[in-house]
Amino acid sequence: MADVPAHHAAHAAALAVAVADPVRDWIATRIRPVLILTKGGPDNSTITVVQLIYREAFQRQNLGTAAALSIIVLIVLLLINVLQPRFLLRRKD
């Protein structure tokens, strides 16, 4: 296997930082407060979907369930993104 040139490694490191920083900030502002305040609340009543996926994947080692939940979330978000402009345009007319 060929060695990676130094400038490619630097670009890869910069890309990793550019991707990791927003993810870390998102976790800090959206997930951490729920964990700190309620830890899922009584009987997991305040758990978010992302927390559920994380628990299934990394704490319970149910990767298939976590992947399926992730696909469901993806489909729901795609539907929202497709339907939202249609409803907004209808309102203006």
N, C-alpha and C. Protein backbone atom coordinates (compact mmCIF):
# COMPACT_ATOMS: atom_id res chain seq x y z
N MET A 1 0.84 -1.17 0.00
CA MET A 1 0.00 0.00 0.00
C MET A 1 0.89 1.24 0.00
N ALA A 2 0.55 2.22 -0.81
CA ALA A 2 1.37 3.42 -0.96
C ALA A 2 1.20 4.33 0.25
N ASP A 3 2.27 5.06 0.55
CA ASP A 3 2.21 6.03 1.64
C ASP A 3 1.37 7.22 1.21
N VAL A 4 0.66 7.81 2.16
CA VAL A 4 -0.16 8.98 1.89
C VAL A 4 0.73 10.21 2.00
N PRO A 5 0.74 11.08 0.98
CA PRO A 5 1.53 12.30 1.06
C PRO A 5 1.10 13.15 2.25
N ALA A 6 2.04 13.93 2.76
CA ALA A 6 1.78 14.73 3.96
C ALA A 6 0.65 15.72 3.75
N HIS A 7 0.55 16.32 2.57
CA HIS A 7 -0.52 17.31 2.36
C HIS A 7 -1.89 16.64 2.33
N HIS A 8 -1.97 15.39 1.90
CA HIS A 8 -3.25 14.68 1.95
C HIS A 8 -3.64 14.38 3.40
N ALA A 9 -2.67 14.02 4.22
CA ALA A 9 -2.94 13.76 5.63
C ALA A 9 -3.40 15.03 6.32
N ALA A 10 -2.80 16.17 5.97
CA ALA A 10 -3.21 17.45 6.57
C ALA A 10 -4.63 17.81 6.16
N HIS A 11 -4.98 17.57 4.90
CA HIS A 11 -6.35 17.83 4.44
C HIS A 11 -7.34 16.92 5.15
N ALA A 12 -6.97 15.67 5.33
CA ALA A 12 -7.85 14.73 6.02
C ALA A 12 -8.07 15.15 7.47
N ALA A 13 -7.00 15.61 8.12
CA ALA A 13 -7.12 16.06 9.51
C ALA A 13 -8.00 17.30 9.60
N ALA A 14 -7.83 18.22 8.67
CA ALA A 14 -8.66 19.43 8.66
C ALA A 14 -10.13 19.10 8.42
N LEU A 15 -10.38 18.15 7.53
CA LEU A 15 -11.76 17.72 7.27
C LEU A 15 -12.37 17.06 8.50
N ALA A 16 -11.59 16.24 9.18
CA ALA A 16 -12.08 15.57 10.39
C ALA A 16 -12.45 16.60 11.46
N VAL A 17 -11.64 17.63 11.62
CA VAL A 17 -11.94 18.67 12.60
C VAL A 17 -13.17 19.46 12.17
N ALA A 18 -13.28 19.75 10.88
CA ALA A 18 -14.42 20.51 10.37
C ALA A 18 -15.73 19.76 10.57
N VAL A 19 -15.69 18.45 10.50
CA VAL A 19 -16.89 17.65 10.70
C VAL A 19 -17.15 17.40 12.18
N ALA A 20 -16.11 17.14 12.95
CA ALA A 20 -16.27 16.77 14.36
C ALA A 20 -16.72 17.94 15.22
N ASP A 21 -16.25 19.15 14.94
CA ASP A 21 -16.61 20.29 15.77
C ASP A 21 -18.11 20.58 15.77
N PRO A 22 -18.77 20.65 14.61
CA PRO A 22 -20.22 20.87 14.66
C PRO A 22 -20.98 19.74 15.33
N VAL A 23 -20.54 18.51 15.16
CA VAL A 23 -21.20 17.37 15.79
C VAL A 23 -21.06 17.49 17.31
N ARG A 24 -19.86 17.81 17.77
CA ARG A 24 -19.63 17.96 19.21
C ARG A 24 -20.49 19.10 19.77
N ASP A 25 -20.56 20.21 19.05
CA ASP A 25 -21.38 21.33 19.51
C ASP A 25 -22.86 20.97 19.54
N TRP A 26 -23.31 20.20 18.54
CA TRP A 26 -24.71 19.79 18.50
C TRP A 26 -25.04 18.90 19.69
N ILE A 27 -24.14 17.98 20.00
CA ILE A 27 -24.36 17.10 21.14
C ILE A 27 -24.38 17.90 22.43
N ALA A 28 -23.47 18.86 22.54
CA ALA A 28 -23.38 19.65 23.77
C ALA A 28 -24.62 20.51 23.99
N THR A 29 -25.23 21.01 22.91
CA THR A 29 -26.36 21.91 23.09
C THR A 29 -27.71 21.21 23.09
N ARG A 30 -27.82 20.03 22.51
CA ARG A 30 -29.13 19.41 22.38
C ARG A 30 -29.31 18.14 23.20
N ILE A 31 -28.31 17.33 23.26
CA ILE A 31 -28.45 16.04 23.94
C ILE A 31 -28.03 16.12 25.40
N ARG A 32 -26.92 16.77 25.66
CA ARG A 32 -26.40 16.81 27.03
C ARG A 32 -27.39 17.39 28.04
N PRO A 33 -28.11 18.51 27.73
CA PRO A 33 -29.07 19.01 28.73
C PRO A 33 -30.14 17.99 29.11
N VAL A 34 -30.62 17.23 28.15
CA VAL A 34 -31.63 16.22 28.46
C VAL A 34 -31.03 15.15 29.37
N LEU A 35 -29.82 14.74 29.07
CA LEU A 35 -29.17 13.73 29.91
C LEU A 35 -28.92 14.26 31.32
N ILE A 36 -28.47 15.49 31.42
CA ILE A 36 -28.17 16.05 32.74
C ILE A 36 -29.45 16.23 33.56
N LEU A 37 -30.49 16.74 32.93
CA LEU A 37 -31.71 17.06 33.68
C LEU A 37 -32.53 15.84 34.05
N THR A 38 -32.66 14.90 33.12
CA THR A 38 -33.62 13.82 33.37
C THR A 38 -33.04 12.40 33.27
N LYS A 39 -31.91 12.25 32.59
CA LYS A 39 -31.34 10.92 32.33
C LYS A 39 -32.40 9.98 31.75
N GLY A 40 -33.26 10.52 30.91
CA GLY A 40 -34.30 9.70 30.31
C GLY A 40 -35.61 9.76 31.05
N GLY A 41 -35.59 10.38 32.21
CA GLY A 41 -36.83 10.54 32.97
C GLY A 41 -37.35 9.24 33.51
N PRO A 42 -38.51 9.28 34.11
CA PRO A 42 -39.10 8.04 34.61
C PRO A 42 -39.49 7.13 33.46
N ASP A 43 -38.96 5.95 33.46
CA ASP A 43 -39.27 4.93 32.46
C ASP A 43 -38.98 5.40 31.03
N ASN A 44 -37.87 6.13 30.85
CA ASN A 44 -37.42 6.63 29.54
C ASN A 44 -38.44 7.51 28.84
N SER A 45 -39.24 8.26 29.58
CA SER A 45 -40.29 9.08 28.97
C SER A 45 -39.75 10.34 28.30
N THR A 46 -38.52 10.77 28.63
CA THR A 46 -37.97 11.98 28.01
C THR A 46 -36.75 11.68 27.14
N ILE A 47 -36.59 10.45 26.72
CA ILE A 47 -35.46 10.10 25.88
C ILE A 47 -35.72 10.57 24.45
N THR A 48 -34.69 11.09 23.79
CA THR A 48 -34.84 11.51 22.40
C THR A 48 -34.57 10.32 21.48
N VAL A 49 -34.95 10.47 20.22
CA VAL A 49 -34.73 9.39 19.25
C VAL A 49 -33.24 9.13 19.08
N VAL A 50 -32.47 10.19 19.05
CA VAL A 50 -31.02 10.03 18.90
C VAL A 50 -30.43 9.28 20.09
N GLN A 51 -30.90 9.58 21.29
CA GLN A 51 -30.43 8.85 22.47
C GLN A 51 -30.82 7.38 22.39
N LEU A 52 -32.01 7.10 21.92
CA LEU A 52 -32.45 5.72 21.78
C LEU A 52 -31.56 4.97 20.80
N ILE A 53 -31.26 5.60 19.67
CA ILE A 53 -30.38 4.97 18.69
C ILE A 53 -29.00 4.73 19.29
N TYR A 54 -28.48 5.72 20.01
CA TYR A 54 -27.16 5.57 20.64
C TYR A 54 -27.18 4.41 21.65
N ARG A 55 -28.20 4.36 22.49
CA ARG A 55 -28.28 3.29 23.49
C ARG A 55 -28.35 1.91 22.84
N GLU A 56 -29.17 1.81 21.79
CA GLU A 56 -29.28 0.52 21.11
C GLU A 56 -27.95 0.11 20.49
N ALA A 57 -27.27 1.04 19.88
CA ALA A 57 -26.03 0.71 19.17
C ALA A 57 -24.87 0.45 20.11
N PHE A 58 -24.63 1.34 21.05
CA PHE A 58 -23.39 1.29 21.81
C PHE A 58 -23.51 0.74 23.22
N GLN A 59 -24.67 0.84 23.83
CA GLN A 59 -24.81 0.30 25.17
C GLN A 59 -25.38 -1.11 25.16
N ARG A 60 -26.36 -1.35 24.28
CA ARG A 60 -26.98 -2.68 24.22
C ARG A 60 -26.41 -3.56 23.10
N GLN A 61 -25.57 -2.97 22.26
CA GLN A 61 -24.93 -3.70 21.14
C GLN A 61 -25.93 -4.27 20.16
N ASN A 62 -27.08 -3.62 20.00
CA ASN A 62 -28.08 -4.01 19.01
C ASN A 62 -27.91 -3.14 17.77
N LEU A 63 -26.89 -3.45 16.98
CA LEU A 63 -26.57 -2.62 15.83
C LEU A 63 -27.66 -2.66 14.76
N GLY A 64 -28.28 -3.78 14.58
CA GLY A 64 -29.35 -3.89 13.59
C GLY A 64 -30.54 -3.01 13.94
N THR A 65 -30.93 -3.02 15.21
CA THR A 65 -32.04 -2.18 15.66
C THR A 65 -31.69 -0.71 15.52
N ALA A 66 -30.47 -0.35 15.90
CA ALA A 66 -30.03 1.04 15.77
C ALA A 66 -30.01 1.48 14.31
N ALA A 67 -29.55 0.60 13.43
CA ALA A 67 -29.52 0.94 12.00
C ALA A 67 -30.94 1.11 11.46
N ALA A 68 -31.84 0.24 11.86
CA ALA A 68 -33.23 0.34 11.40
C ALA A 68 -33.87 1.64 11.90
N LEU A 69 -33.64 1.98 13.16
CA LEU A 69 -34.17 3.23 13.69
C LEU A 69 -33.58 4.43 12.95
N SER A 70 -32.31 4.35 12.61
CA SER A 70 -31.67 5.45 11.88
C SER A 70 -32.30 5.62 10.50
N ILE A 71 -32.61 4.52 9.84
CA ILE A 71 -33.24 4.59 8.52
C ILE A 71 -34.64 5.19 8.64
N ILE A 72 -35.37 4.82 9.67
CA ILE A 72 -36.70 5.38 9.88
C ILE A 72 -36.61 6.89 10.10
N VAL A 73 -35.66 7.32 10.91
CA VAL A 73 -35.47 8.76 11.14
C VAL A 73 -35.11 9.45 9.82
N LEU A 74 -34.24 8.84 9.03
CA LEU A 74 -33.87 9.41 7.74
C LEU A 74 -35.09 9.57 6.84
N ILE A 75 -35.93 8.56 6.77
CA ILE A 75 -37.13 8.63 5.92
C ILE A 75 -38.07 9.72 6.40
N VAL A 76 -38.28 9.82 7.71
CA VAL A 76 -39.15 10.85 8.25
C VAL A 76 -38.60 12.24 7.93
N LEU A 77 -37.31 12.43 8.11
CA LEU A 77 -36.71 13.74 7.82
C LEU A 77 -36.79 14.07 6.34
N LEU A 78 -36.58 13.08 5.48
CA LEU A 78 -36.71 13.31 4.04
C LEU A 78 -38.14 13.71 3.68
N LEU A 79 -39.12 13.03 4.26
CA LEU A 79 -40.51 13.38 4.00
C LEU A 79 -40.83 14.80 4.45
N ILE A 80 -40.34 15.16 5.60
CA ILE A 80 -40.56 16.53 6.09
C ILE A 80 -39.95 17.53 5.12
N ASN A 81 -38.73 17.25 4.66
CA ASN A 81 -38.06 18.17 3.75
C ASN A 81 -38.74 18.26 2.39
N VAL A 82 -39.38 17.20 1.96
CA VAL A 82 -40.07 17.22 0.67
C VAL A 82 -41.43 17.91 0.81
N LEU A 83 -42.14 17.63 1.88
CA LEU A 83 -43.50 18.14 2.04
C LEU A 83 -43.57 19.57 2.56
N GLN A 84 -42.60 19.99 3.33
CA GLN A 84 -42.64 21.32 3.93
C GLN A 84 -42.74 22.44 2.89
N PRO A 85 -41.93 22.45 1.83
CA PRO A 85 -42.08 23.54 0.85
C PRO A 85 -43.45 23.54 0.17
N ARG A 86 -44.03 22.38 -0.03
CA ARG A 86 -45.36 22.32 -0.66
C ARG A 86 -46.42 22.98 0.22
N PHE A 87 -46.37 22.71 1.52
CA PHE A 87 -47.33 23.32 2.43
C PHE A 87 -47.08 24.81 2.58
N LEU A 88 -45.83 25.23 2.59
CA LEU A 88 -45.52 26.64 2.71
C LEU A 88 -45.95 27.40 1.47
N LEU A 89 -45.76 26.82 0.29
CA LEU A 89 -46.18 27.49 -0.94
C LEU A 89 -47.70 27.56 -1.04
N ARG A 90 -48.39 26.56 -0.55
CA ARG A 90 -49.85 26.55 -0.56
C ARG A 90 -50.41 27.66 0.30
N ARG A 91 -49.75 27.95 1.40
CA ARG A 91 -50.21 28.99 2.32
C ARG A 91 -50.13 30.38 1.68
N LYS A 92 -49.12 30.60 0.86
CA LYS A 92 -48.92 31.92 0.24
C LYS A 92 -49.99 32.22 -0.81
N ASP A 93 -50.53 31.18 -1.44
CA ASP A 93 -51.51 31.39 -2.51
C ASP A 93 -52.85 31.80 -2.02
